[in-house]
Amino acid sequence: MLLVIFLLLYMTYGSLLDAAQVLLAVPFGLAGGVYLLYALGYNFSVAVWLGSSRSSGPRSDRRGDGDLPGRGGGAQREELAAD
């Protein structure tokens, strides 16, 4: 199963290094989040689970400007910044 996920990540990012970084970053990030919740004494509420599931998903930001493809807004921000 991990091999299939790795192949899908490789096809998405086009680089073995990028696919490996995403594959390793997600479980370590989730484990760190769970550890901090335990260390700080927070409860595992619905909001915590939703936030952790939302923040653990890799983004496909290929342009590098922080805006997801197909959502627009990147060029508009640049025009507003120039004014």
N, C-alpha and C. Protein backbone atom coordinates (compact mmCIF):
# COMPACT_ATOMS: atom_id res chain seq x y z
N MET A 1 0.83 -1.20 0.00
CA MET A 1 0.00 0.00 0.00
C MET A 1 0.87 1.27 0.00
N LEU A 2 1.95 1.23 0.79
CA LEU A 2 2.83 2.40 0.81
C LEU A 2 3.51 2.61 -0.54
N LEU A 3 3.78 1.52 -1.23
CA LEU A 3 4.39 1.64 -2.54
C LEU A 3 3.45 2.32 -3.53
N VAL A 4 2.17 2.01 -3.45
CA VAL A 4 1.18 2.66 -4.32
C VAL A 4 1.11 4.15 -3.99
N ILE A 5 1.08 4.50 -2.72
CA ILE A 5 1.05 5.91 -2.31
C ILE A 5 2.31 6.62 -2.79
N PHE A 6 3.46 5.95 -2.64
CA PHE A 6 4.71 6.56 -3.09
C PHE A 6 4.70 6.78 -4.60
N LEU A 7 4.19 5.82 -5.35
CA LEU A 7 4.12 5.98 -6.80
C LEU A 7 3.18 7.12 -7.20
N LEU A 8 2.06 7.24 -6.50
CA LEU A 8 1.15 8.36 -6.78
C LEU A 8 1.80 9.71 -6.46
N LEU A 9 2.53 9.76 -5.34
CA LEU A 9 3.24 11.00 -5.01
C LEU A 9 4.32 11.31 -6.04
N TYR A 10 5.02 10.27 -6.49
CA TYR A 10 6.05 10.49 -7.51
C TYR A 10 5.43 11.01 -8.81
N MET A 11 4.29 10.45 -9.20
CA MET A 11 3.63 10.92 -10.42
C MET A 11 3.13 12.36 -10.25
N THR A 12 2.74 12.73 -9.03
CA THR A 12 2.25 14.08 -8.80
C THR A 12 3.38 15.10 -8.81
N TYR A 13 4.46 14.81 -8.07
CA TYR A 13 5.54 15.78 -7.91
C TYR A 13 6.65 15.64 -8.93
N GLY A 14 6.80 14.46 -9.55
CA GLY A 14 7.81 14.27 -10.57
C GLY A 14 9.22 14.16 -10.04
N SER A 15 9.37 13.91 -8.74
CA SER A 15 10.69 13.80 -8.14
C SER A 15 10.65 12.77 -7.03
N LEU A 16 11.65 11.90 -7.00
CA LEU A 16 11.72 10.90 -5.93
C LEU A 16 11.95 11.56 -4.57
N LEU A 17 12.76 12.60 -4.54
CA LEU A 17 13.05 13.28 -3.28
C LEU A 17 11.80 13.97 -2.72
N ASP A 18 11.05 14.66 -3.57
CA ASP A 18 9.83 15.31 -3.11
C ASP A 18 8.80 14.29 -2.61
N ALA A 19 8.67 13.17 -3.33
CA ALA A 19 7.73 12.14 -2.91
C ALA A 19 8.13 11.55 -1.56
N ALA A 20 9.42 11.31 -1.36
CA ALA A 20 9.90 10.76 -0.09
C ALA A 20 9.71 11.76 1.05
N GLN A 21 9.94 13.03 0.79
CA GLN A 21 9.76 14.04 1.84
C GLN A 21 8.31 14.11 2.28
N VAL A 22 7.37 14.07 1.34
CA VAL A 22 5.95 14.13 1.69
C VAL A 22 5.55 12.86 2.44
N LEU A 23 6.03 11.71 1.96
CA LEU A 23 5.67 10.45 2.59
C LEU A 23 6.18 10.37 4.02
N LEU A 24 7.32 10.96 4.31
CA LEU A 24 7.87 10.93 5.66
C LEU A 24 7.37 12.09 6.53
N ALA A 25 7.05 13.20 5.93
CA ALA A 25 6.64 14.37 6.72
C ALA A 25 5.27 14.21 7.34
N VAL A 26 4.35 13.56 6.65
CA VAL A 26 2.98 13.45 7.16
C VAL A 26 2.92 12.64 8.45
N PRO A 27 3.49 11.42 8.54
CA PRO A 27 3.39 10.70 9.81
C PRO A 27 4.15 11.35 10.95
N PHE A 28 5.32 11.94 10.64
CA PHE A 28 6.07 12.61 11.71
C PHE A 28 5.33 13.85 12.21
N GLY A 29 4.69 14.57 11.31
CA GLY A 29 3.91 15.74 11.72
C GLY A 29 2.72 15.36 12.57
N LEU A 30 2.02 14.31 12.20
CA LEU A 30 0.88 13.85 13.00
C LEU A 30 1.33 13.35 14.37
N ALA A 31 2.44 12.61 14.41
CA ALA A 31 2.94 12.11 15.69
C ALA A 31 3.35 13.27 16.59
N GLY A 32 3.97 14.29 16.02
CA GLY A 32 4.34 15.46 16.82
C GLY A 32 3.13 16.21 17.34
N GLY A 33 2.09 16.29 16.52
CA GLY A 33 0.86 16.95 16.96
C GLY A 33 0.20 16.21 18.10
N VAL A 34 0.14 14.89 18.01
CA VAL A 34 -0.45 14.08 19.08
C VAL A 34 0.37 14.20 20.36
N TYR A 35 1.69 14.19 20.20
CA TYR A 35 2.56 14.33 21.38
C TYR A 35 2.34 15.68 22.07
N LEU A 36 2.24 16.75 21.29
CA LEU A 36 2.02 18.07 21.90
C LEU A 36 0.65 18.17 22.57
N LEU A 37 -0.36 17.57 21.98
CA LEU A 37 -1.67 17.56 22.62
C LEU A 37 -1.61 16.86 23.97
N TYR A 38 -0.91 15.74 24.01
CA TYR A 38 -0.75 15.01 25.27
C TYR A 38 0.08 15.82 26.28
N ALA A 39 1.18 16.41 25.80
CA ALA A 39 2.08 17.16 26.69
C ALA A 39 1.40 18.40 27.27
N LEU A 40 0.53 19.04 26.48
CA LEU A 40 -0.15 20.24 26.96
C LEU A 40 -1.45 19.94 27.68
N GLY A 41 -1.87 18.68 27.66
CA GLY A 41 -3.06 18.28 28.39
C GLY A 41 -4.37 18.63 27.71
N TYR A 42 -4.34 18.82 26.39
CA TYR A 42 -5.57 19.13 25.66
C TYR A 42 -6.36 17.85 25.39
N ASN A 43 -7.67 17.98 25.26
CA ASN A 43 -8.52 16.86 24.91
C ASN A 43 -8.57 16.68 23.40
N PHE A 44 -8.83 15.45 22.97
CA PHE A 44 -8.97 15.16 21.54
C PHE A 44 -10.41 15.45 21.14
N SER A 45 -10.69 16.69 20.81
CA SER A 45 -12.04 17.09 20.43
C SER A 45 -12.22 16.93 18.92
N VAL A 46 -13.43 17.16 18.47
CA VAL A 46 -13.72 17.09 17.03
C VAL A 46 -12.91 18.15 16.29
N ALA A 47 -12.80 19.33 16.85
CA ALA A 47 -12.03 20.39 16.21
C ALA A 47 -10.56 20.02 16.07
N VAL A 48 -10.02 19.33 17.06
CA VAL A 48 -8.62 18.91 16.99
C VAL A 48 -8.44 17.87 15.89
N TRP A 49 -9.33 16.91 15.79
CA TRP A 49 -9.22 15.90 14.74
C TRP A 49 -9.39 16.51 13.36
N LEU A 50 -10.33 17.42 13.21
CA LEU A 50 -10.52 18.06 11.91
C LEU A 50 -9.30 18.90 11.53
N GLY A 51 -8.77 19.63 12.48
CA GLY A 51 -7.59 20.45 12.20
C GLY A 51 -6.38 19.62 11.86
N SER A 52 -6.19 18.51 12.57
CA SER A 52 -5.02 17.68 12.29
C SER A 52 -5.17 16.96 10.95
N SER A 53 -6.37 16.55 10.61
CA SER A 53 -6.55 15.90 9.31
C SER A 53 -6.39 16.91 8.18
N ARG A 54 -6.83 18.13 8.39
CA ARG A 54 -6.71 19.17 7.36
C ARG A 54 -5.25 19.61 7.18
N SER A 55 -4.54 19.71 8.27
CA SER A 55 -3.16 20.19 8.17
C SER A 55 -2.18 19.11 7.74
N SER A 56 -2.59 17.85 7.79
CA SER A 56 -1.66 16.78 7.41
C SER A 56 -1.67 16.50 5.92
N GLY A 57 -2.64 16.99 5.19
CA GLY A 57 -2.71 16.72 3.75
C GLY A 57 -1.70 17.53 2.98
N PRO A 58 -0.97 16.90 2.06
CA PRO A 58 0.00 17.65 1.25
C PRO A 58 -0.70 18.57 0.26
N ARG A 59 -0.13 19.72 0.04
CA ARG A 59 -0.68 20.67 -0.92
C ARG A 59 0.00 20.48 -2.25
N SER A 60 -0.71 20.78 -3.32
CA SER A 60 -0.11 20.71 -4.65
C SER A 60 0.06 22.13 -5.17
N ASP A 61 0.99 22.84 -4.58
CA ASP A 61 1.27 24.22 -4.97
C ASP A 61 2.49 24.21 -5.88
N ARG A 62 2.26 24.11 -7.16
CA ARG A 62 3.37 23.99 -8.10
C ARG A 62 3.96 25.35 -8.49
N ARG A 63 3.20 26.43 -8.32
CA ARG A 63 3.71 27.74 -8.74
C ARG A 63 4.60 28.37 -7.69
N GLY A 64 4.48 27.98 -6.45
CA GLY A 64 5.36 28.50 -5.41
C GLY A 64 4.92 29.83 -4.83
N ASP A 65 3.71 30.31 -5.19
CA ASP A 65 3.29 31.61 -4.66
C ASP A 65 2.32 31.46 -3.48
N GLY A 66 2.11 30.23 -3.01
CA GLY A 66 1.23 30.03 -1.87
C GLY A 66 -0.23 29.93 -2.21
N ASP A 67 -0.57 30.07 -3.48
CA ASP A 67 -1.96 29.99 -3.91
C ASP A 67 -2.15 28.69 -4.68
N LEU A 68 -3.20 27.96 -4.38
CA LEU A 68 -3.43 26.70 -5.05
C LEU A 68 -3.81 26.91 -6.50
N PRO A 69 -3.39 26.02 -7.39
CA PRO A 69 -3.73 26.16 -8.81
C PRO A 69 -5.24 26.13 -9.04
N GLY A 70 -5.70 26.96 -9.94
CA GLY A 70 -7.10 26.96 -10.31
C GLY A 70 -8.00 27.78 -9.40
N ARG A 71 -7.45 28.41 -8.39
CA ARG A 71 -8.28 29.17 -7.47
C ARG A 71 -8.20 30.67 -7.74
N GLY A 72 -7.27 31.08 -8.57
CA GLY A 72 -7.14 32.51 -8.85
C GLY A 72 -6.63 33.26 -7.64
N GLY A 73 -6.54 34.54 -7.75
CA GLY A 73 -6.16 35.35 -6.61
C GLY A 73 -4.68 35.70 -6.58
N GLY A 74 -3.83 34.85 -7.13
CA GLY A 74 -2.40 35.13 -7.11
C GLY A 74 -2.06 36.37 -7.90
N ALA A 75 -2.60 36.48 -9.12
CA ALA A 75 -2.33 37.64 -9.96
C ALA A 75 -3.02 38.88 -9.39
N GLN A 76 -4.18 38.71 -8.80
CA GLN A 76 -4.88 39.85 -8.22
C GLN A 76 -4.09 40.43 -7.06
N ARG A 77 -3.49 39.58 -6.25
CA ARG A 77 -2.68 40.08 -5.14
C ARG A 77 -1.48 40.86 -5.64
N GLU A 78 -0.86 40.36 -6.72
CA GLU A 78 0.29 41.06 -7.27
C GLU A 78 -0.10 42.43 -7.80
N GLU A 79 -1.27 42.53 -8.43
CA GLU A 79 -1.74 43.81 -8.94
C GLU A 79 -2.04 44.78 -7.81
N LEU A 80 -2.64 44.27 -6.73
CA LEU A 80 -2.93 45.13 -5.58
C LEU A 80 -1.66 45.59 -4.89
N ALA A 81 -0.65 44.71 -4.85
CA ALA A 81 0.61 45.08 -4.21
C ALA A 81 1.34 46.15 -5.03
N ALA A 82 1.16 46.13 -6.35
CA ALA A 82 1.83 47.11 -7.20
C ALA A 82 1.20 48.49 -7.10
N ASP A 83 -0.08 48.56 -6.69
CA ASP A 83 -0.77 49.85 -6.62
C ASP A 83 -0.35 50.67 -5.44
